[in-house]
């Protein structure tokens, strides 16, 4: 099967960025994701319910890249979603990966203002796309 196939599923790989969780203010990073064989992706970030009655909230998510998947992480240009500022929201950004380093990860920054021990449901997902059929994981 090749890229001209009508079965788009053979061209797509779905990877969990950050697992859905109720998180406090701060940062968290996904595990390294090997993008070998993929030349573009869609990064999605989503918020769930907020608890502890924060007066303001924000979830910012972006992709970072690394040569070895362990060290030297740097932001990937043009690979950040618009910050989410409401519960139960979704944002996405299309990213070209053709010049990116081999490994990527999702970096999230959660900001919560006010409330009592506030948390925010948050998660991210990476939908990778390749020019050729992707072998099953």
N, C-alpha and C. Protein backbone atom coordinates (compact mmCIF):
# COMPACT_ATOMS: atom_id res chain seq x y z
N UNK A 1 0.85 -1.17 0.00
CA UNK A 1 0.00 0.00 0.00
C UNK A 1 0.89 1.23 0.00
N UNK A 2 0.49 2.29 -0.66
CA UNK A 2 1.29 3.50 -0.70
C UNK A 2 0.45 4.72 -0.33
N UNK A 3 1.06 5.89 -0.41
CA UNK A 3 0.39 7.13 0.01
C UNK A 3 -0.83 7.46 -0.84
N UNK A 4 -0.98 6.81 -2.00
CA UNK A 4 -2.14 7.07 -2.84
C UNK A 4 -3.35 6.25 -2.42
N UNK A 5 -3.20 5.40 -1.45
CA UNK A 5 -4.29 4.56 -0.98
C UNK A 5 -5.41 5.40 -0.38
N UNK A 6 -6.62 4.87 -0.42
CA UNK A 6 -7.74 5.56 0.20
C UNK A 6 -7.82 5.25 1.69
N UNK A 7 -6.98 4.38 2.20
CA UNK A 7 -6.97 4.01 3.61
C UNK A 7 -5.94 4.88 4.35
N UNK A 8 -6.38 6.04 4.82
CA UNK A 8 -5.47 6.98 5.48
C UNK A 8 -4.87 6.40 6.75
N UNK A 9 -5.52 5.42 7.35
CA UNK A 9 -5.03 4.84 8.59
C UNK A 9 -3.64 4.25 8.49
N UNK A 10 -3.23 3.81 7.32
CA UNK A 10 -1.89 3.23 7.18
C UNK A 10 -0.81 4.29 7.19
N UNK A 11 -1.17 5.55 7.10
CA UNK A 11 -0.21 6.64 7.09
C UNK A 11 -0.08 7.35 8.43
N UNK A 12 -0.89 6.93 9.39
CA UNK A 12 -1.01 7.67 10.65
C UNK A 12 -0.53 6.84 11.84
N UNK A 13 0.18 7.49 12.75
CA UNK A 13 0.55 6.89 14.03
C UNK A 13 0.06 7.79 15.14
N UNK A 14 -0.60 7.22 16.13
CA UNK A 14 -1.12 8.02 17.24
C UNK A 14 -0.30 7.71 18.48
N UNK A 15 0.20 8.75 19.12
CA UNK A 15 1.02 8.60 20.32
C UNK A 15 0.45 9.48 21.43
N UNK A 16 0.42 8.92 22.62
CA UNK A 16 0.00 9.69 23.79
C UNK A 16 1.09 10.68 24.13
N UNK A 17 0.72 11.94 24.25
CA UNK A 17 1.66 12.94 24.72
C UNK A 17 1.71 12.86 26.23
N UNK A 18 0.81 13.57 26.89
CA UNK A 18 0.70 13.50 28.34
C UNK A 18 -0.61 12.80 28.69
N UNK A 19 -0.56 11.92 29.64
CA UNK A 19 -1.74 11.16 30.04
C UNK A 19 -2.78 12.06 30.68
N UNK A 20 -4.06 11.79 30.45
CA UNK A 20 -5.11 12.57 31.11
C UNK A 20 -4.96 12.48 32.63
N UNK A 21 -4.93 13.62 33.29
CA UNK A 21 -4.76 13.65 34.74
C UNK A 21 -5.21 15.00 35.27
N UNK A 22 -5.61 15.02 36.53
CA UNK A 22 -5.87 16.28 37.23
C UNK A 22 -4.51 16.76 37.74
N UNK A 23 -4.05 17.90 37.23
CA UNK A 23 -2.71 18.37 37.55
C UNK A 23 -2.76 19.73 38.25
N UNK A 24 -1.79 19.95 39.09
CA UNK A 24 -1.62 21.24 39.76
C UNK A 24 -0.83 22.16 38.84
N UNK A 25 -0.71 23.41 39.24
CA UNK A 25 0.09 24.36 38.47
C UNK A 25 1.53 23.87 38.38
N UNK A 26 2.14 24.09 37.23
CA UNK A 26 3.53 23.67 37.03
C UNK A 26 3.74 23.19 35.61
N UNK A 27 4.78 22.40 35.41
CA UNK A 27 5.10 21.89 34.09
C UNK A 27 5.19 20.37 34.13
N UNK A 28 4.96 19.77 32.96
CA UNK A 28 5.20 18.34 32.82
C UNK A 28 5.53 18.06 31.36
N UNK A 29 6.30 16.99 31.16
CA UNK A 29 6.75 16.61 29.84
C UNK A 29 6.34 15.17 29.55
N UNK A 30 6.06 14.89 28.30
CA UNK A 30 5.77 13.52 27.91
C UNK A 30 7.09 12.76 27.78
N UNK A 31 6.97 11.48 27.57
CA UNK A 31 8.13 10.66 27.23
C UNK A 31 8.58 11.04 25.82
N UNK A 32 9.79 10.68 25.47
CA UNK A 32 10.30 10.92 24.12
C UNK A 32 9.49 10.08 23.12
N UNK A 33 9.20 10.67 21.97
CA UNK A 33 8.46 10.00 20.90
C UNK A 33 9.36 9.97 19.67
N UNK A 34 9.63 8.77 19.17
CA UNK A 34 10.46 8.61 17.98
C UNK A 34 9.63 8.95 16.75
N UNK A 35 10.01 9.97 16.01
CA UNK A 35 9.23 10.41 14.87
C UNK A 35 9.79 9.86 13.55
N UNK A 36 10.74 8.93 13.62
CA UNK A 36 11.33 8.34 12.43
C UNK A 36 10.22 7.78 11.52
N UNK A 37 10.24 8.18 10.25
CA UNK A 37 9.23 7.74 9.30
C UNK A 37 8.03 8.67 9.19
N UNK A 38 7.96 9.65 10.04
CA UNK A 38 6.85 10.61 10.01
C UNK A 38 7.38 11.98 9.60
N UNK A 39 6.66 12.67 8.73
CA UNK A 39 7.13 13.98 8.29
C UNK A 39 6.21 15.14 8.68
N UNK A 40 5.11 14.83 9.37
CA UNK A 40 4.24 15.88 9.89
C UNK A 40 3.43 15.33 11.05
N UNK A 41 2.77 16.22 11.76
CA UNK A 41 1.93 15.77 12.87
C UNK A 41 0.90 16.84 13.22
N UNK A 42 -0.05 16.43 14.02
CA UNK A 42 -0.99 17.35 14.65
C UNK A 42 -0.82 17.16 16.15
N UNK A 43 -0.50 18.24 16.84
CA UNK A 43 -0.43 18.23 18.30
C UNK A 43 -1.77 18.73 18.81
N UNK A 44 -2.41 17.95 19.67
CA UNK A 44 -3.64 18.41 20.30
C UNK A 44 -3.43 18.47 21.81
N UNK A 45 -4.05 19.45 22.42
CA UNK A 45 -4.05 19.58 23.88
C UNK A 45 -5.49 19.78 24.31
N UNK A 46 -5.83 19.25 25.47
CA UNK A 46 -7.19 19.43 25.95
C UNK A 46 -7.21 19.61 27.46
N UNK A 47 -8.23 20.36 27.88
CA UNK A 47 -8.48 20.53 29.30
C UNK A 47 -9.76 19.81 29.65
N UNK A 48 -9.84 19.39 30.89
CA UNK A 48 -11.06 18.80 31.42
C UNK A 48 -11.61 19.71 32.49
N UNK A 49 -12.15 19.10 33.50
CA UNK A 49 -12.74 19.88 34.60
C UNK A 49 -11.65 20.51 35.46
N UNK A 50 -11.99 21.66 36.03
CA UNK A 50 -11.13 22.31 37.02
C UNK A 50 -11.75 22.07 38.39
N UNK A 51 -10.90 21.85 39.39
CA UNK A 51 -11.40 21.71 40.76
C UNK A 51 -10.68 22.72 41.65
N UNK A 52 -11.23 22.96 42.81
CA UNK A 52 -10.64 23.93 43.73
C UNK A 52 -10.96 25.36 43.39
N UNK A 53 -11.89 25.58 42.50
CA UNK A 53 -12.40 26.90 42.07
C UNK A 53 -11.32 27.93 41.74
N UNK A 54 -10.43 27.63 40.80
CA UNK A 54 -9.47 28.67 40.38
C UNK A 54 -10.21 29.82 39.70
N UNK A 55 -9.69 31.03 39.86
CA UNK A 55 -10.29 32.19 39.22
C UNK A 55 -9.78 32.37 37.79
N UNK A 56 -8.67 31.75 37.47
CA UNK A 56 -8.12 31.77 36.11
C UNK A 56 -7.29 30.52 35.91
N UNK A 57 -7.24 30.06 34.66
CA UNK A 57 -6.44 28.87 34.35
C UNK A 57 -5.88 28.99 32.96
N UNK A 58 -4.80 28.24 32.73
CA UNK A 58 -4.20 28.21 31.39
C UNK A 58 -3.43 26.91 31.22
N UNK A 59 -3.58 26.32 30.05
CA UNK A 59 -2.77 25.17 29.66
C UNK A 59 -2.08 25.53 28.35
N UNK A 60 -0.76 25.57 28.37
CA UNK A 60 0.04 25.81 27.16
C UNK A 60 0.77 24.52 26.84
N UNK A 61 0.75 24.11 25.57
CA UNK A 61 1.43 22.88 25.16
C UNK A 61 2.23 23.16 23.90
N UNK A 62 3.42 22.55 23.83
CA UNK A 62 4.30 22.73 22.67
C UNK A 62 5.12 21.48 22.48
N UNK A 63 5.70 21.36 21.28
CA UNK A 63 6.61 20.26 21.01
C UNK A 63 8.04 20.72 21.20
N UNK A 64 8.86 19.83 21.73
CA UNK A 64 10.29 20.05 21.83
C UNK A 64 10.97 18.92 21.08
N UNK A 65 12.22 19.14 20.67
CA UNK A 65 12.95 18.14 19.90
C UNK A 65 14.30 17.84 20.53
N UNK A 66 14.81 16.63 20.25
CA UNK A 66 16.10 16.18 20.77
C UNK A 66 16.70 15.17 19.80
N UNK A 67 18.00 15.16 19.72
CA UNK A 67 18.69 14.20 18.85
C UNK A 67 18.62 12.78 19.40
N UNK A 68 18.78 12.63 20.73
CA UNK A 68 18.84 11.29 21.31
C UNK A 68 17.63 10.91 22.17
N UNK A 69 16.68 11.83 22.34
CA UNK A 69 15.49 11.54 23.12
C UNK A 69 15.69 11.62 24.62
N UNK A 70 16.88 12.08 25.05
CA UNK A 70 17.16 12.17 26.48
C UNK A 70 17.69 13.53 26.90
N UNK A 71 18.48 14.14 26.03
CA UNK A 71 19.18 15.37 26.39
C UNK A 71 18.98 16.44 25.32
N UNK A 72 19.29 17.69 25.69
CA UNK A 72 19.32 18.77 24.73
C UNK A 72 17.97 19.15 24.14
N UNK A 73 16.90 19.05 24.92
CA UNK A 73 15.57 19.38 24.41
C UNK A 73 15.47 20.87 24.11
N UNK A 74 14.97 21.21 22.92
CA UNK A 74 14.75 22.60 22.53
C UNK A 74 13.36 22.71 21.91
N UNK A 75 12.78 23.90 21.99
CA UNK A 75 11.46 24.12 21.40
C UNK A 75 11.52 23.97 19.89
N UNK A 76 10.52 23.34 19.33
CA UNK A 76 10.38 23.19 17.88
C UNK A 76 9.59 24.39 17.37
N UNK A 77 10.16 25.15 16.45
CA UNK A 77 9.52 26.37 15.95
C UNK A 77 8.16 26.07 15.34
N UNK A 78 7.17 26.91 15.67
CA UNK A 78 5.83 26.78 15.11
C UNK A 78 5.04 25.60 15.62
N UNK A 79 5.44 25.05 16.75
CA UNK A 79 4.81 23.83 17.25
C UNK A 79 4.19 24.01 18.62
N UNK A 80 3.44 25.10 18.80
CA UNK A 80 2.76 25.35 20.07
C UNK A 80 1.28 25.63 19.80
N UNK A 81 0.43 25.07 20.63
CA UNK A 81 -1.00 25.35 20.51
C UNK A 81 -1.30 26.69 21.18
N UNK A 82 -2.40 27.31 20.77
CA UNK A 82 -2.86 28.51 21.47
C UNK A 82 -3.22 28.08 22.90
N UNK A 83 -2.77 28.81 23.92
CA UNK A 83 -3.08 28.41 25.29
C UNK A 83 -4.59 28.29 25.52
N UNK A 84 -4.96 27.25 26.22
CA UNK A 84 -6.37 27.02 26.59
C UNK A 84 -6.63 27.72 27.91
N UNK A 85 -7.73 28.48 27.99
CA UNK A 85 -8.02 29.26 29.20
C UNK A 85 -9.39 28.95 29.78
N UNK A 86 -9.96 27.82 29.40
CA UNK A 86 -11.27 27.41 29.92
C UNK A 86 -11.28 25.90 30.10
N UNK A 87 -12.06 25.40 31.07
CA UNK A 87 -12.20 23.96 31.21
C UNK A 87 -12.87 23.37 29.97
N UNK A 88 -12.65 22.08 29.74
CA UNK A 88 -13.30 21.33 28.66
C UNK A 88 -13.09 21.97 27.29
N UNK A 89 -11.84 22.29 26.99
CA UNK A 89 -11.47 22.92 25.72
C UNK A 89 -10.43 22.07 24.99
N UNK A 90 -10.33 22.28 23.68
CA UNK A 90 -9.37 21.57 22.85
C UNK A 90 -8.69 22.57 21.92
N UNK A 91 -7.39 22.39 21.70
CA UNK A 91 -6.65 23.19 20.74
C UNK A 91 -5.74 22.27 19.95
N UNK A 92 -5.36 22.70 18.75
CA UNK A 92 -4.49 21.89 17.91
C UNK A 92 -3.59 22.79 17.08
N UNK A 93 -2.48 22.20 16.64
CA UNK A 93 -1.57 22.89 15.73
C UNK A 93 -0.99 21.84 14.78
N UNK A 94 -0.93 22.18 13.50
CA UNK A 94 -0.30 21.32 12.50
C UNK A 94 1.19 21.65 12.47
N UNK A 95 2.03 20.60 12.42
CA UNK A 95 3.48 20.81 12.50
C UNK A 95 4.18 20.00 11.41
N UNK A 96 5.06 20.65 10.67
CA UNK A 96 5.93 19.96 9.71
C UNK A 96 7.12 19.42 10.49
N UNK A 97 7.46 18.17 10.27
CA UNK A 97 8.56 17.54 11.00
C UNK A 97 9.76 17.21 10.12
N UNK A 98 9.71 17.55 8.85
CA UNK A 98 10.75 17.10 7.92
C UNK A 98 12.16 17.54 8.31
N UNK A 99 12.30 18.66 9.02
CA UNK A 99 13.62 19.11 9.45
C UNK A 99 13.83 18.96 10.96
N UNK A 100 12.88 18.37 11.64
CA UNK A 100 12.99 18.19 13.10
C UNK A 100 13.99 17.09 13.42
N UNK A 101 14.53 17.16 14.62
CA UNK A 101 15.39 16.08 15.10
C UNK A 101 14.56 14.82 15.28
N UNK A 102 15.20 13.69 15.50
CA UNK A 102 14.51 12.40 15.50
C UNK A 102 13.46 12.25 16.59
N UNK A 103 13.70 12.81 17.77
CA UNK A 103 12.78 12.63 18.89
C UNK A 103 12.05 13.92 19.22
N UNK A 104 10.77 13.80 19.56
CA UNK A 104 9.98 14.93 20.02
C UNK A 104 9.31 14.55 21.33
N UNK A 105 8.88 15.56 22.07
CA UNK A 105 8.07 15.35 23.27
C UNK A 105 7.14 16.54 23.42
N UNK A 106 6.09 16.33 24.20
CA UNK A 106 5.16 17.41 24.50
C UNK A 106 5.57 18.02 25.84
N UNK A 107 5.65 19.34 25.87
CA UNK A 107 5.93 20.07 27.11
C UNK A 107 4.71 20.91 27.43
N UNK A 108 4.17 20.73 28.62
CA UNK A 108 2.99 21.47 29.06
C UNK A 108 3.34 22.41 30.21
N UNK A 109 2.67 23.55 30.22
CA UNK A 109 2.76 24.49 31.34
C UNK A 109 1.33 24.79 31.78
N UNK A 110 1.06 24.52 33.05
CA UNK A 110 -0.28 24.72 33.62
C UNK A 110 -0.19 25.87 34.62
N UNK A 111 -1.07 26.85 34.45
CA UNK A 111 -1.14 27.98 35.38
C UNK A 111 -2.53 28.01 35.98
N UNK A 112 -2.60 28.08 37.29
CA UNK A 112 -3.88 28.15 38.02
C UNK A 112 -3.78 29.29 39.02
N UNK A 113 -4.75 30.19 38.99
CA UNK A 113 -4.76 31.35 39.87
C UNK A 113 -5.95 31.25 40.81
N UNK A 114 -5.70 31.52 42.09
CA UNK A 114 -6.78 31.53 43.08
C UNK A 114 -7.26 30.13 43.41
N UNK A 115 -8.32 30.09 44.18
CA UNK A 115 -8.91 28.82 44.58
C UNK A 115 -8.18 28.17 45.74
N UNK A 116 -8.66 26.99 46.09
CA UNK A 116 -8.08 26.20 47.16
C UNK A 116 -7.57 24.90 46.59
N UNK A 117 -6.24 24.74 46.55
CA UNK A 117 -5.60 23.55 45.98
C UNK A 117 -6.19 23.21 44.60
N UNK A 118 -6.19 24.17 43.66
CA UNK A 118 -6.82 23.94 42.37
C UNK A 118 -6.06 22.92 41.51
N UNK A 119 -6.81 22.19 40.71
CA UNK A 119 -6.25 21.29 39.71
C UNK A 119 -7.03 21.47 38.41
N UNK A 120 -6.42 21.01 37.34
CA UNK A 120 -7.05 21.08 36.02
C UNK A 120 -6.83 19.76 35.31
N UNK A 121 -7.89 19.20 34.76
CA UNK A 121 -7.73 18.03 33.90
C UNK A 121 -7.00 18.45 32.64
N UNK A 122 -5.96 17.72 32.28
CA UNK A 122 -5.17 18.09 31.10
C UNK A 122 -4.62 16.84 30.42
N UNK A 123 -4.46 16.93 29.11
CA UNK A 123 -3.84 15.84 28.35
C UNK A 123 -3.42 16.35 26.98
N UNK A 124 -2.57 15.57 26.31
CA UNK A 124 -2.16 15.91 24.95
C UNK A 124 -2.00 14.64 24.14
N UNK A 125 -2.11 14.79 22.84
CA UNK A 125 -2.04 13.67 21.92
C UNK A 125 -1.29 14.13 20.68
N UNK A 126 -0.50 13.24 20.12
CA UNK A 126 0.24 13.54 18.90
C UNK A 126 -0.23 12.57 17.81
N UNK A 127 -0.73 13.12 16.71
CA UNK A 127 -1.14 12.32 15.56
C UNK A 127 -0.07 12.54 14.49
N UNK A 128 0.75 11.51 14.29
CA UNK A 128 1.87 11.58 13.35
C UNK A 128 1.44 11.06 11.99
N UNK A 129 2.00 11.64 10.94
CA UNK A 129 1.66 11.21 9.58
C UNK A 129 2.94 11.01 8.79
N UNK A 130 2.98 9.92 8.06
CA UNK A 130 4.15 9.62 7.24
C UNK A 130 3.81 9.59 5.77
N UNK A 131 4.82 9.68 4.94
CA UNK A 131 4.58 9.65 3.50
C UNK A 131 4.31 8.24 2.98
N UNK A 132 4.65 7.24 3.77
CA UNK A 132 4.48 5.85 3.36
C UNK A 132 3.77 5.07 4.45
N UNK A 133 3.38 3.86 4.14
CA UNK A 133 2.69 3.01 5.09
C UNK A 133 3.54 2.83 6.34
N UNK A 134 2.89 2.97 7.50
CA UNK A 134 3.55 2.86 8.78
C UNK A 134 3.37 1.45 9.31
N UNK A 135 4.46 0.77 9.70
CA UNK A 135 4.29 -0.56 10.26
C UNK A 135 3.55 -0.50 11.60
N UNK A 136 2.78 -1.53 11.90
CA UNK A 136 2.06 -1.58 13.18
C UNK A 136 3.07 -1.61 14.32
N UNK A 137 2.75 -0.93 15.46
CA UNK A 137 3.68 -0.90 16.60
C UNK A 137 3.82 -2.27 17.24
